[in-house]
Amino acid sequence: MEKFEINERGCLTAYHNDNKDVSEITVPDGIKSIPDYAFSEYKKINAVILPNSLEIIAYSAFWNCRLPQSTSVHSMKYRGITFNPAIDYFHMEDVIDMIYKKDYSYVLSHDLKYPVILQIYFNDGDEITYAYIKKNFKKFFVFLIKENDFETLEKLIKSGKFITKRNINTYINLADEKECYEVFDMLNEYREENLK
């Protein structure tokens, strides 16, 4: 049996599960904060869904007791955004805060930060996220090429919001420089169809 103990302020005070090998958990709505080591007894948790009510999470909430400063969690979902806290578990609370506040000033690895920001943009399409991507589009462009994520890159290009007549040659040259001919062709096709 699974049980979440919560105090009157919405802080998770204890988690119990008869199944010590539990691999996936869904934290119930109403929980606002999760403290250090809240789930550390459960060494096989690898997927977590967090509630929209969550405001604060300690970066060590899922630390494994046997292996200090590590986590087995590789899939975390919060407010519809999925990310991998194992990339940089020291900044898990920054990622949660970034999603919650849409504050992109946190210094995080691009592998953790950029996929989160792109998901927020595609889910919400808000002006703050759009402005951040537009300002840093060259970095996102290079990151997506490095990740071979041509599907996301194509979505951004075809949105018509980031590639203009003025900057398309910069990106064509960059794709050529990176020897990414799929993107090179994609940009040339976009120019022919939309930027005459």
N, C-alpha and C. Protein backbone atom coordinates (compact mmCIF):
# COMPACT_ATOMS: atom_id res chain seq x y z
N MET A 1 0.83 -1.18 0.00
CA MET A 1 0.00 0.00 0.00
C MET A 1 0.88 1.26 0.00
N GLU A 2 0.48 2.26 -0.78
CA GLU A 2 1.22 3.50 -0.90
C GLU A 2 0.53 4.58 -0.06
N LYS A 3 1.34 5.38 0.65
CA LYS A 3 0.78 6.43 1.49
C LYS A 3 1.68 7.66 1.49
N PHE A 4 1.07 8.82 1.28
CA PHE A 4 1.76 10.11 1.34
C PHE A 4 1.25 10.84 2.58
N GLU A 5 2.16 11.22 3.46
CA GLU A 5 1.77 12.01 4.64
C GLU A 5 2.12 13.47 4.37
N ILE A 6 1.14 14.33 4.59
CA ILE A 6 1.27 15.75 4.25
C ILE A 6 0.87 16.59 5.46
N ASN A 7 1.63 17.64 5.77
CA ASN A 7 1.23 18.51 6.87
C ASN A 7 0.28 19.60 6.38
N GLU A 8 -0.17 20.47 7.29
CA GLU A 8 -1.18 21.50 6.96
C GLU A 8 -0.66 22.55 5.98
N ARG A 9 0.66 22.67 5.82
CA ARG A 9 1.22 23.63 4.86
C ARG A 9 1.44 23.00 3.48
N GLY A 10 1.07 21.75 3.32
CA GLY A 10 1.23 21.07 2.03
C GLY A 10 2.60 20.46 1.83
N CYS A 11 3.37 20.33 2.91
CA CYS A 11 4.71 19.72 2.81
C CYS A 11 4.58 18.21 3.00
N LEU A 12 5.21 17.46 2.12
CA LEU A 12 5.26 16.01 2.27
C LEU A 12 6.15 15.69 3.47
N THR A 13 5.60 15.03 4.46
CA THR A 13 6.40 14.70 5.65
C THR A 13 6.89 13.26 5.62
N ALA A 14 6.20 12.39 4.89
CA ALA A 14 6.65 11.00 4.79
C ALA A 14 5.99 10.32 3.60
N TYR A 15 6.72 9.36 3.04
CA TYR A 15 6.19 8.51 1.97
C TYR A 15 6.41 7.08 2.38
N HIS A 16 5.37 6.27 2.27
CA HIS A 16 5.46 4.85 2.59
C HIS A 16 4.91 4.03 1.43
N ASN A 17 5.58 2.95 1.15
CA ASN A 17 5.09 2.04 0.13
C ASN A 17 5.52 0.63 0.52
N ASP A 18 4.56 -0.29 0.57
CA ASP A 18 4.88 -1.68 0.91
C ASP A 18 5.80 -2.30 -0.14
N ASN A 19 5.71 -1.77 -1.35
CA ASN A 19 6.55 -2.27 -2.44
C ASN A 19 7.85 -1.47 -2.47
N LYS A 20 8.90 -2.00 -1.89
CA LYS A 20 10.20 -1.31 -1.85
C LYS A 20 10.84 -1.22 -3.23
N ASP A 21 10.33 -2.01 -4.19
CA ASP A 21 10.87 -2.00 -5.56
C ASP A 21 10.03 -1.13 -6.50
N VAL A 22 9.21 -0.25 -5.93
CA VAL A 22 8.37 0.62 -6.76
C VAL A 22 9.28 1.38 -7.75
N SER A 23 8.86 1.44 -9.02
CA SER A 23 9.69 2.11 -10.02
C SER A 23 9.06 3.41 -10.53
N GLU A 24 7.76 3.55 -10.37
CA GLU A 24 7.07 4.76 -10.83
C GLU A 24 6.15 5.26 -9.74
N ILE A 25 6.15 6.58 -9.52
CA ILE A 25 5.21 7.14 -8.55
C ILE A 25 4.57 8.40 -9.12
N THR A 26 3.34 8.64 -8.69
CA THR A 26 2.63 9.87 -9.02
C THR A 26 2.36 10.57 -7.69
N VAL A 27 2.98 11.71 -7.48
CA VAL A 27 2.80 12.47 -6.25
C VAL A 27 1.44 13.17 -6.36
N PRO A 28 0.58 13.01 -5.35
CA PRO A 28 -0.78 13.56 -5.45
C PRO A 28 -0.83 15.08 -5.40
N ASP A 29 -1.89 15.61 -6.01
CA ASP A 29 -2.11 17.05 -6.00
C ASP A 29 -2.33 17.53 -4.57
N GLY A 30 -1.94 18.74 -4.29
CA GLY A 30 -2.07 19.29 -2.95
C GLY A 30 -0.73 19.41 -2.25
N ILE A 31 0.23 18.61 -2.70
CA ILE A 31 1.57 18.69 -2.11
C ILE A 31 2.29 19.90 -2.72
N LYS A 32 2.76 20.80 -1.85
CA LYS A 32 3.43 22.02 -2.30
C LYS A 32 4.94 21.92 -2.20
N SER A 33 5.43 21.09 -1.27
CA SER A 33 6.89 20.96 -1.15
C SER A 33 7.28 19.54 -0.80
N ILE A 34 8.45 19.16 -1.31
CA ILE A 34 9.01 17.83 -1.06
C ILE A 34 10.40 18.04 -0.48
N PRO A 35 10.66 17.52 0.73
CA PRO A 35 11.93 17.77 1.41
C PRO A 35 13.06 16.81 0.97
N ASP A 36 14.25 17.07 1.52
CA ASP A 36 15.41 16.20 1.31
C ASP A 36 15.07 14.76 1.69
N TYR A 37 15.55 13.83 0.90
CA TYR A 37 15.51 12.38 1.18
C TYR A 37 14.10 11.81 1.32
N ALA A 38 13.08 12.49 0.84
CA ALA A 38 11.70 12.04 1.00
C ALA A 38 11.47 10.64 0.42
N PHE A 39 12.16 10.31 -0.66
CA PHE A 39 11.94 9.02 -1.33
C PHE A 39 13.21 8.17 -1.36
N SER A 40 14.20 8.50 -0.54
CA SER A 40 15.51 7.86 -0.65
C SER A 40 15.53 6.38 -0.29
N GLU A 41 14.52 5.89 0.42
CA GLU A 41 14.46 4.46 0.73
C GLU A 41 14.12 3.61 -0.49
N TYR A 42 13.55 4.25 -1.50
CA TYR A 42 13.02 3.52 -2.65
C TYR A 42 14.02 3.67 -3.80
N LYS A 43 14.93 2.73 -3.86
CA LYS A 43 16.10 2.83 -4.73
C LYS A 43 15.83 2.55 -6.20
N LYS A 44 14.63 2.08 -6.53
CA LYS A 44 14.36 1.72 -7.92
C LYS A 44 13.40 2.69 -8.62
N ILE A 45 13.06 3.79 -7.96
CA ILE A 45 12.18 4.77 -8.61
C ILE A 45 12.94 5.36 -9.80
N ASN A 46 12.34 5.26 -10.98
CA ASN A 46 12.98 5.88 -12.15
C ASN A 46 12.06 6.82 -12.91
N ALA A 47 10.78 6.87 -12.53
CA ALA A 47 9.84 7.78 -13.19
C ALA A 47 8.93 8.40 -12.15
N VAL A 48 8.77 9.72 -12.23
CA VAL A 48 7.98 10.45 -11.25
C VAL A 48 7.09 11.46 -11.97
N ILE A 49 5.83 11.53 -11.57
CA ILE A 49 4.94 12.59 -12.04
C ILE A 49 4.65 13.46 -10.84
N LEU A 50 4.96 14.75 -10.96
CA LEU A 50 4.78 15.71 -9.87
C LEU A 50 3.47 16.48 -10.07
N PRO A 51 2.84 16.90 -8.98
CA PRO A 51 1.56 17.61 -9.11
C PRO A 51 1.75 19.08 -9.50
N ASN A 52 0.75 19.66 -10.12
CA ASN A 52 0.80 21.08 -10.47
C ASN A 52 0.91 21.96 -9.25
N SER A 53 0.46 21.46 -8.09
CA SER A 53 0.50 22.25 -6.86
C SER A 53 1.92 22.42 -6.32
N LEU A 54 2.86 21.60 -6.80
CA LEU A 54 4.23 21.64 -6.27
C LEU A 54 4.90 22.98 -6.55
N GLU A 55 5.53 23.54 -5.51
CA GLU A 55 6.25 24.80 -5.64
C GLU A 55 7.74 24.63 -5.35
N ILE A 56 8.07 23.73 -4.42
CA ILE A 56 9.47 23.56 -4.01
C ILE A 56 9.78 22.07 -3.91
N ILE A 57 10.95 21.69 -4.42
CA ILE A 57 11.43 20.32 -4.24
C ILE A 57 12.92 20.38 -3.91
N ALA A 58 13.33 19.65 -2.91
CA ALA A 58 14.75 19.58 -2.57
C ALA A 58 15.46 18.73 -3.61
N TYR A 59 16.65 19.15 -4.04
CA TYR A 59 17.33 18.40 -5.09
C TYR A 59 17.72 17.01 -4.63
N SER A 60 17.75 16.79 -3.31
CA SER A 60 18.11 15.46 -2.80
C SER A 60 16.88 14.63 -2.43
N ALA A 61 15.70 15.05 -2.86
CA ALA A 61 14.47 14.32 -2.52
C ALA A 61 14.50 12.86 -2.98
N PHE A 62 15.17 12.60 -4.09
CA PHE A 62 15.21 11.24 -4.64
C PHE A 62 16.60 10.62 -4.55
N TRP A 63 17.47 11.17 -3.71
CA TRP A 63 18.78 10.58 -3.57
C TRP A 63 18.68 9.18 -3.02
N ASN A 64 19.49 8.33 -3.54
CA ASN A 64 19.53 6.94 -3.12
C ASN A 64 20.42 6.83 -1.89
N CYS A 65 19.89 6.25 -0.82
CA CYS A 65 20.66 6.13 0.43
C CYS A 65 21.98 5.40 0.23
N ARG A 66 21.96 4.35 -0.58
CA ARG A 66 23.16 3.54 -0.78
C ARG A 66 24.21 4.28 -1.60
N LEU A 67 23.76 5.10 -2.51
CA LEU A 67 24.67 5.85 -3.38
C LEU A 67 24.41 7.34 -3.17
N PRO A 68 25.02 7.94 -2.16
CA PRO A 68 24.75 9.35 -1.89
C PRO A 68 25.02 10.22 -3.11
N GLN A 69 24.28 11.28 -3.21
CA GLN A 69 24.40 12.25 -4.29
C GLN A 69 24.18 11.65 -5.66
N SER A 70 23.28 10.69 -5.73
CA SER A 70 22.89 10.16 -7.04
C SER A 70 21.41 9.84 -6.99
N THR A 71 20.84 9.70 -8.15
CA THR A 71 19.42 9.36 -8.23
C THR A 71 19.21 8.37 -9.36
N SER A 72 18.22 7.51 -9.20
CA SER A 72 17.89 6.57 -10.27
C SER A 72 16.78 7.14 -11.16
N VAL A 73 16.24 8.32 -10.78
CA VAL A 73 15.13 8.91 -11.53
C VAL A 73 15.64 9.48 -12.86
N HIS A 74 15.07 8.98 -13.96
CA HIS A 74 15.46 9.44 -15.29
C HIS A 74 14.31 10.09 -16.04
N SER A 75 13.12 10.06 -15.45
CA SER A 75 11.98 10.69 -16.09
C SER A 75 11.14 11.37 -15.03
N MET A 76 11.05 12.67 -15.12
CA MET A 76 10.24 13.44 -14.19
C MET A 76 9.31 14.32 -15.01
N LYS A 77 8.05 14.36 -14.59
CA LYS A 77 7.07 15.17 -15.31
C LYS A 77 6.45 16.16 -14.34
N TYR A 78 6.45 17.43 -14.75
CA TYR A 78 5.90 18.50 -13.92
C TYR A 78 5.21 19.51 -14.83
N ARG A 79 3.94 19.76 -14.57
CA ARG A 79 3.14 20.70 -15.35
C ARG A 79 3.19 20.41 -16.84
N GLY A 80 3.18 19.13 -17.18
CA GLY A 80 3.18 18.70 -18.57
C GLY A 80 4.54 18.68 -19.23
N ILE A 81 5.59 19.00 -18.49
CA ILE A 81 6.95 19.05 -19.03
C ILE A 81 7.74 17.87 -18.49
N THR A 82 8.34 17.09 -19.38
CA THR A 82 9.13 15.93 -18.98
C THR A 82 10.61 16.27 -19.10
N PHE A 83 11.38 15.90 -18.08
CA PHE A 83 12.82 16.13 -18.12
C PHE A 83 13.54 15.01 -17.38
N ASN A 84 14.85 14.98 -17.54
CA ASN A 84 15.68 13.94 -16.93
C ASN A 84 16.54 14.56 -15.84
N PRO A 85 16.12 14.44 -14.56
CA PRO A 85 16.90 15.05 -13.49
C PRO A 85 18.26 14.41 -13.28
N ALA A 86 18.45 13.19 -13.77
CA ALA A 86 19.74 12.51 -13.59
C ALA A 86 20.86 13.22 -14.36
N ILE A 87 20.51 14.03 -15.36
CA ILE A 87 21.53 14.79 -16.11
C ILE A 87 22.29 15.70 -15.15
N ASP A 88 21.55 16.32 -14.22
CA ASP A 88 22.17 17.26 -13.28
C ASP A 88 21.27 17.38 -12.06
N TYR A 89 21.31 16.37 -11.19
CA TYR A 89 20.37 16.32 -10.06
C TYR A 89 20.56 17.47 -9.08
N PHE A 90 21.73 18.14 -9.07
CA PHE A 90 21.94 19.28 -8.17
C PHE A 90 21.03 20.45 -8.54
N HIS A 91 20.54 20.47 -9.79
CA HIS A 91 19.71 21.59 -10.25
C HIS A 91 18.25 21.20 -10.48
N MET A 92 17.84 20.07 -9.91
CA MET A 92 16.45 19.64 -10.09
C MET A 92 15.48 20.70 -9.59
N GLU A 93 15.77 21.31 -8.42
CA GLU A 93 14.85 22.32 -7.91
C GLU A 93 14.86 23.57 -8.79
N ASP A 94 15.98 23.86 -9.44
CA ASP A 94 16.02 25.00 -10.37
C ASP A 94 15.14 24.73 -11.59
N VAL A 95 15.14 23.50 -12.08
CA VAL A 95 14.29 23.16 -13.23
C VAL A 95 12.82 23.30 -12.85
N ILE A 96 12.45 22.79 -11.69
CA ILE A 96 11.06 22.92 -11.21
C ILE A 96 10.70 24.40 -11.10
N ASP A 97 11.59 25.19 -10.51
CA ASP A 97 11.35 26.62 -10.35
C ASP A 97 11.25 27.31 -11.71
N MET A 98 12.12 26.92 -12.64
CA MET A 98 12.11 27.50 -13.98
C MET A 98 10.78 27.24 -14.67
N ILE A 99 10.27 26.02 -14.55
CA ILE A 99 8.98 25.67 -15.15
C ILE A 99 7.86 26.45 -14.45
N TYR A 100 7.90 26.47 -13.13
CA TYR A 100 6.86 27.12 -12.33
C TYR A 100 6.78 28.62 -12.60
N LYS A 101 7.95 29.28 -12.66
CA LYS A 101 7.99 30.75 -12.80
C LYS A 101 8.22 31.23 -14.23
N LYS A 102 8.59 30.31 -15.13
CA LYS A 102 9.02 30.66 -16.48
C LYS A 102 10.14 31.70 -16.41
N ASP A 103 11.09 31.40 -15.55
CA ASP A 103 12.27 32.23 -15.35
C ASP A 103 13.45 31.45 -15.93
N TYR A 104 13.99 31.94 -17.04
CA TYR A 104 15.02 31.20 -17.77
C TYR A 104 16.43 31.68 -17.46
N SER A 105 16.60 32.39 -16.34
CA SER A 105 17.92 32.91 -15.98
C SER A 105 18.79 31.88 -15.26
N TYR A 106 18.24 30.72 -14.92
CA TYR A 106 19.03 29.70 -14.22
C TYR A 106 20.16 29.20 -15.12
N VAL A 107 21.32 29.02 -14.52
CA VAL A 107 22.47 28.48 -15.25
C VAL A 107 22.40 26.96 -15.13
N LEU A 108 22.02 26.32 -16.22
CA LEU A 108 21.86 24.86 -16.28
C LEU A 108 22.54 24.36 -17.54
N SER A 109 22.85 23.07 -17.56
CA SER A 109 23.42 22.50 -18.79
C SER A 109 22.37 22.59 -19.90
N HIS A 110 22.83 22.82 -21.11
CA HIS A 110 21.91 22.92 -22.25
C HIS A 110 21.11 21.64 -22.42
N ASP A 111 21.71 20.49 -22.10
CA ASP A 111 21.01 19.20 -22.23
C ASP A 111 19.79 19.14 -21.34
N LEU A 112 19.81 19.85 -20.24
CA LEU A 112 18.68 19.87 -19.31
C LEU A 112 17.75 21.05 -19.61
N LYS A 113 18.32 22.21 -19.83
CA LYS A 113 17.54 23.45 -19.95
C LYS A 113 16.79 23.58 -21.27
N TYR A 114 17.46 23.37 -22.40
CA TYR A 114 16.84 23.64 -23.69
C TYR A 114 15.63 22.76 -24.00
N PRO A 115 15.69 21.44 -23.73
CA PRO A 115 14.49 20.63 -23.99
C PRO A 115 13.29 21.07 -23.15
N VAL A 116 13.54 21.51 -21.91
CA VAL A 116 12.46 21.98 -21.05
C VAL A 116 11.84 23.25 -21.63
N ILE A 117 12.68 24.20 -22.02
CA ILE A 117 12.18 25.46 -22.58
C ILE A 117 11.39 25.22 -23.87
N LEU A 118 11.89 24.33 -24.71
CA LEU A 118 11.17 24.03 -25.96
C LEU A 118 9.82 23.40 -25.69
N GLN A 119 9.75 22.50 -24.71
CA GLN A 119 8.45 21.91 -24.36
C GLN A 119 7.48 22.97 -23.84
N ILE A 120 7.98 23.88 -23.00
CA ILE A 120 7.13 24.95 -22.49
C ILE A 120 6.60 25.78 -23.66
N TYR A 121 7.47 26.09 -24.60
CA TYR A 121 7.07 26.89 -25.76
C TYR A 121 5.99 26.18 -26.58
N PHE A 122 6.21 24.91 -26.86
CA PHE A 122 5.23 24.18 -27.68
C PHE A 122 3.93 23.93 -26.92
N ASN A 123 4.00 23.80 -25.60
CA ASN A 123 2.78 23.60 -24.80
C ASN A 123 1.99 24.89 -24.63
N ASP A 124 2.70 25.99 -24.33
CA ASP A 124 2.02 27.24 -23.95
C ASP A 124 2.09 28.33 -25.01
N GLY A 125 3.20 28.38 -25.74
CA GLY A 125 3.38 29.41 -26.76
C GLY A 125 3.37 30.82 -26.21
N ASP A 126 3.75 30.99 -24.94
CA ASP A 126 3.68 32.31 -24.33
C ASP A 126 4.80 33.23 -24.82
N GLU A 127 4.62 34.52 -24.62
CA GLU A 127 5.56 35.53 -25.11
C GLU A 127 6.92 35.48 -24.42
N ILE A 128 6.95 35.18 -23.12
CA ILE A 128 8.22 35.15 -22.39
C ILE A 128 9.12 34.06 -22.97
N THR A 129 8.55 32.88 -23.16
CA THR A 129 9.33 31.75 -23.68
C THR A 129 9.73 32.01 -25.13
N TYR A 130 8.81 32.54 -25.92
CA TYR A 130 9.10 32.87 -27.32
C TYR A 130 10.27 33.87 -27.39
N ALA A 131 10.21 34.91 -26.56
CA ALA A 131 11.26 35.94 -26.57
C ALA A 131 12.62 35.35 -26.19
N TYR A 132 12.62 34.42 -25.23
CA TYR A 132 13.88 33.80 -24.82
C TYR A 132 14.47 32.96 -25.96
N ILE A 133 13.63 32.16 -26.60
CA ILE A 133 14.11 31.32 -27.71
C ILE A 133 14.59 32.21 -28.86
N LYS A 134 13.83 33.24 -29.18
CA LYS A 134 14.21 34.14 -30.29
C LYS A 134 15.57 34.79 -30.02
N LYS A 135 15.76 35.26 -28.79
CA LYS A 135 17.02 35.91 -28.42
C LYS A 135 18.20 34.93 -28.49
N ASN A 136 17.95 33.67 -28.19
CA ASN A 136 19.00 32.65 -28.14
C ASN A 136 18.87 31.61 -29.24
N PHE A 137 18.20 31.99 -30.33
CA PHE A 137 17.87 30.99 -31.35
C PHE A 137 19.09 30.28 -31.93
N LYS A 138 20.18 31.00 -32.10
CA LYS A 138 21.38 30.37 -32.67
C LYS A 138 21.86 29.22 -31.76
N LYS A 139 21.80 29.43 -30.44
CA LYS A 139 22.20 28.38 -29.50
C LYS A 139 21.25 27.18 -29.57
N PHE A 140 19.95 27.46 -29.67
CA PHE A 140 18.97 26.38 -29.80
C PHE A 140 19.19 25.62 -31.11
N PHE A 141 19.46 26.36 -32.17
CA PHE A 141 19.69 25.78 -33.49
C PHE A 141 20.87 24.79 -33.44
N VAL A 142 21.98 25.23 -32.88
CA VAL A 142 23.18 24.39 -32.77
C VAL A 142 22.90 23.19 -31.86
N PHE A 143 22.20 23.43 -30.75
CA PHE A 143 21.87 22.35 -29.83
C PHE A 143 21.03 21.27 -30.52
N LEU A 144 20.02 21.68 -31.26
CA LEU A 144 19.14 20.71 -31.93
C LEU A 144 19.87 19.94 -33.02
N ILE A 145 20.80 20.58 -33.70
CA ILE A 145 21.62 19.87 -34.69
C ILE A 145 22.48 18.83 -33.97
N LYS A 146 23.10 19.24 -32.87
CA LYS A 146 23.95 18.33 -32.09
C LYS A 146 23.16 17.11 -31.61
N GLU A 147 21.90 17.35 -31.23
CA GLU A 147 21.03 16.27 -30.73
C GLU A 147 20.36 15.48 -31.85
N ASN A 148 20.59 15.88 -33.10
CA ASN A 148 19.90 15.27 -34.25
C ASN A 148 18.39 15.33 -34.11
N ASP A 149 17.90 16.41 -33.49
CA ASP A 149 16.47 16.58 -33.30
C ASP A 149 15.92 17.45 -34.42
N PHE A 150 15.86 16.87 -35.61
CA PHE A 150 15.44 17.61 -36.80
C PHE A 150 13.94 17.88 -36.80
N GLU A 151 13.19 17.05 -36.11
CA GLU A 151 11.73 17.24 -36.04
C GLU A 151 11.42 18.55 -35.31
N THR A 152 12.06 18.77 -34.16
CA THR A 152 11.84 20.01 -33.41
C THR A 152 12.36 21.21 -34.19
N LEU A 153 13.51 21.06 -34.80
CA LEU A 153 14.09 22.15 -35.59
C LEU A 153 13.17 22.52 -36.75
N GLU A 154 12.62 21.52 -37.39
CA GLU A 154 11.69 21.77 -38.50
C GLU A 154 10.44 22.53 -38.01
N LYS A 155 9.93 22.16 -36.84
CA LYS A 155 8.77 22.86 -36.27
C LYS A 155 9.09 24.33 -36.04
N LEU A 156 10.28 24.60 -35.50
CA LEU A 156 10.67 25.98 -35.23
C LEU A 156 10.85 26.76 -36.53
N ILE A 157 11.46 26.13 -37.52
CA ILE A 157 11.67 26.79 -38.81
C ILE A 157 10.33 27.08 -39.47
N LYS A 158 9.47 26.08 -39.52
CA LYS A 158 8.18 26.23 -40.21
C LYS A 158 7.20 27.14 -39.47
N SER A 159 7.48 27.45 -38.20
CA SER A 159 6.60 28.37 -37.47
C SER A 159 6.68 29.77 -38.07
N GLY A 160 7.80 30.07 -38.77
CA GLY A 160 7.96 31.37 -39.39
C GLY A 160 8.33 32.48 -38.41
N LYS A 161 8.62 32.13 -37.17
CA LYS A 161 8.89 33.13 -36.14
C LYS A 161 10.38 33.35 -35.87
N PHE A 162 11.22 32.47 -36.37
CA PHE A 162 12.64 32.56 -36.01
C PHE A 162 13.57 32.74 -37.20
N ILE A 163 13.18 32.23 -38.35
CA ILE A 163 13.99 32.34 -39.57
C ILE A 163 13.36 33.41 -40.46
N THR A 164 14.17 34.41 -40.79
CA THR A 164 13.68 35.52 -41.61
C THR A 164 14.56 35.67 -42.84
N LYS A 165 14.13 36.54 -43.74
CA LYS A 165 14.93 36.83 -44.93
C LYS A 165 16.31 37.34 -44.53
N ARG A 166 16.33 38.11 -43.45
CA ARG A 166 17.57 38.74 -42.99
C ARG A 166 18.55 37.73 -42.40
N ASN A 167 18.05 36.68 -41.71
CA ASN A 167 19.00 35.78 -41.02
C ASN A 167 19.13 34.39 -41.62
N ILE A 168 18.37 34.09 -42.65
CA ILE A 168 18.38 32.70 -43.15
C ILE A 168 19.76 32.27 -43.65
N ASN A 169 20.50 33.17 -44.29
CA ASN A 169 21.83 32.79 -44.79
C ASN A 169 22.77 32.40 -43.66
N THR A 170 22.63 33.06 -42.52
CA THR A 170 23.44 32.72 -41.34
C THR A 170 23.21 31.26 -40.96
N TYR A 171 21.94 30.86 -40.95
CA TYR A 171 21.60 29.50 -40.53
C TYR A 171 21.93 28.46 -41.61
N ILE A 172 21.79 28.83 -42.86
CA ILE A 172 22.19 27.93 -43.95
C ILE A 172 23.70 27.68 -43.86
N ASN A 173 24.46 28.75 -43.66
CA ASN A 173 25.92 28.60 -43.53
C ASN A 173 26.30 27.77 -42.30
N LEU A 174 25.58 27.97 -41.23
CA LEU A 174 25.85 27.21 -40.00
C LEU A 174 25.56 25.72 -40.20
N ALA A 175 24.45 25.40 -40.88
CA ALA A 175 24.13 24.00 -41.17
C ALA A 175 25.19 23.38 -42.06
N ASP A 176 25.67 24.16 -43.03
CA ASP A 176 26.72 23.69 -43.93
C ASP A 176 28.02 23.46 -43.16
N GLU A 177 28.36 24.40 -42.28
CA GLU A 177 29.56 24.31 -41.45
C GLU A 177 29.51 23.06 -40.56
N LYS A 178 28.34 22.75 -40.03
CA LYS A 178 28.17 21.59 -39.15
C LYS A 178 27.98 20.30 -39.95
N GLU A 179 28.01 20.43 -41.29
CA GLU A 179 27.81 19.29 -42.20
C GLU A 179 26.49 18.58 -41.92
N CYS A 180 25.50 19.40 -41.66
CA CYS A 180 24.16 18.88 -41.41
C CYS A 180 23.30 19.21 -42.63
N TYR A 181 23.41 18.36 -43.62
CA TYR A 181 22.80 18.65 -44.92
C TYR A 181 21.29 18.50 -44.92
N GLU A 182 20.77 17.74 -43.98
CA GLU A 182 19.31 17.63 -43.84
C GLU A 182 18.73 19.00 -43.47
N VAL A 183 19.37 19.68 -42.55
CA VAL A 183 18.91 21.01 -42.13
C VAL A 183 19.21 22.03 -43.22
N PHE A 184 20.35 21.89 -43.87
CA PHE A 184 20.72 22.76 -45.00
C PHE A 184 19.63 22.72 -46.05
N ASP A 185 19.19 21.51 -46.42
CA ASP A 185 18.13 21.35 -47.42
C ASP A 185 16.80 21.89 -46.92
N MET A 186 16.51 21.66 -45.64
CA MET A 186 15.28 22.13 -45.02
C MET A 186 15.18 23.66 -45.10
N LEU A 187 16.29 24.33 -44.81
CA LEU A 187 16.32 25.79 -44.84
C LEU A 187 16.19 26.33 -46.26
N ASN A 188 16.88 25.70 -47.20
CA ASN A 188 16.77 26.14 -48.59
C ASN A 188 15.34 25.98 -49.11
N GLU A 189 14.71 24.88 -48.75
CA GLU A 189 13.32 24.64 -49.15
C GLU A 189 12.40 25.68 -48.50
N TYR A 190 12.66 25.98 -47.23
CA TYR A 190 11.85 26.99 -46.53
C TYR A 190 12.00 28.36 -47.20
N ARG A 191 13.24 28.70 -47.60
CA ARG A 191 13.49 29.98 -48.27
C ARG A 191 12.73 30.05 -49.59
N GLU A 192 12.79 28.95 -50.37
CA GLU A 192 12.10 28.92 -51.67
C GLU A 192 10.60 29.08 -51.52
N GLU A 193 10.02 28.46 -50.50
CA GLU A 193 8.58 28.46 -50.33
C GLU A 193 8.04 29.68 -49.60
N ASN A 194 8.85 30.30 -48.75
CA ASN A 194 8.30 31.34 -47.87
C ASN A 194 9.01 32.69 -47.88
N LEU A 195 10.23 32.76 -48.36
CA LEU A 195 10.98 34.01 -48.23
C LEU A 195 11.39 34.61 -49.56
N LYS A 196 10.55 34.52 -50.56
CA LYS A 196 10.89 35.09 -51.89
C LYS A 196 10.74 36.59 -51.87
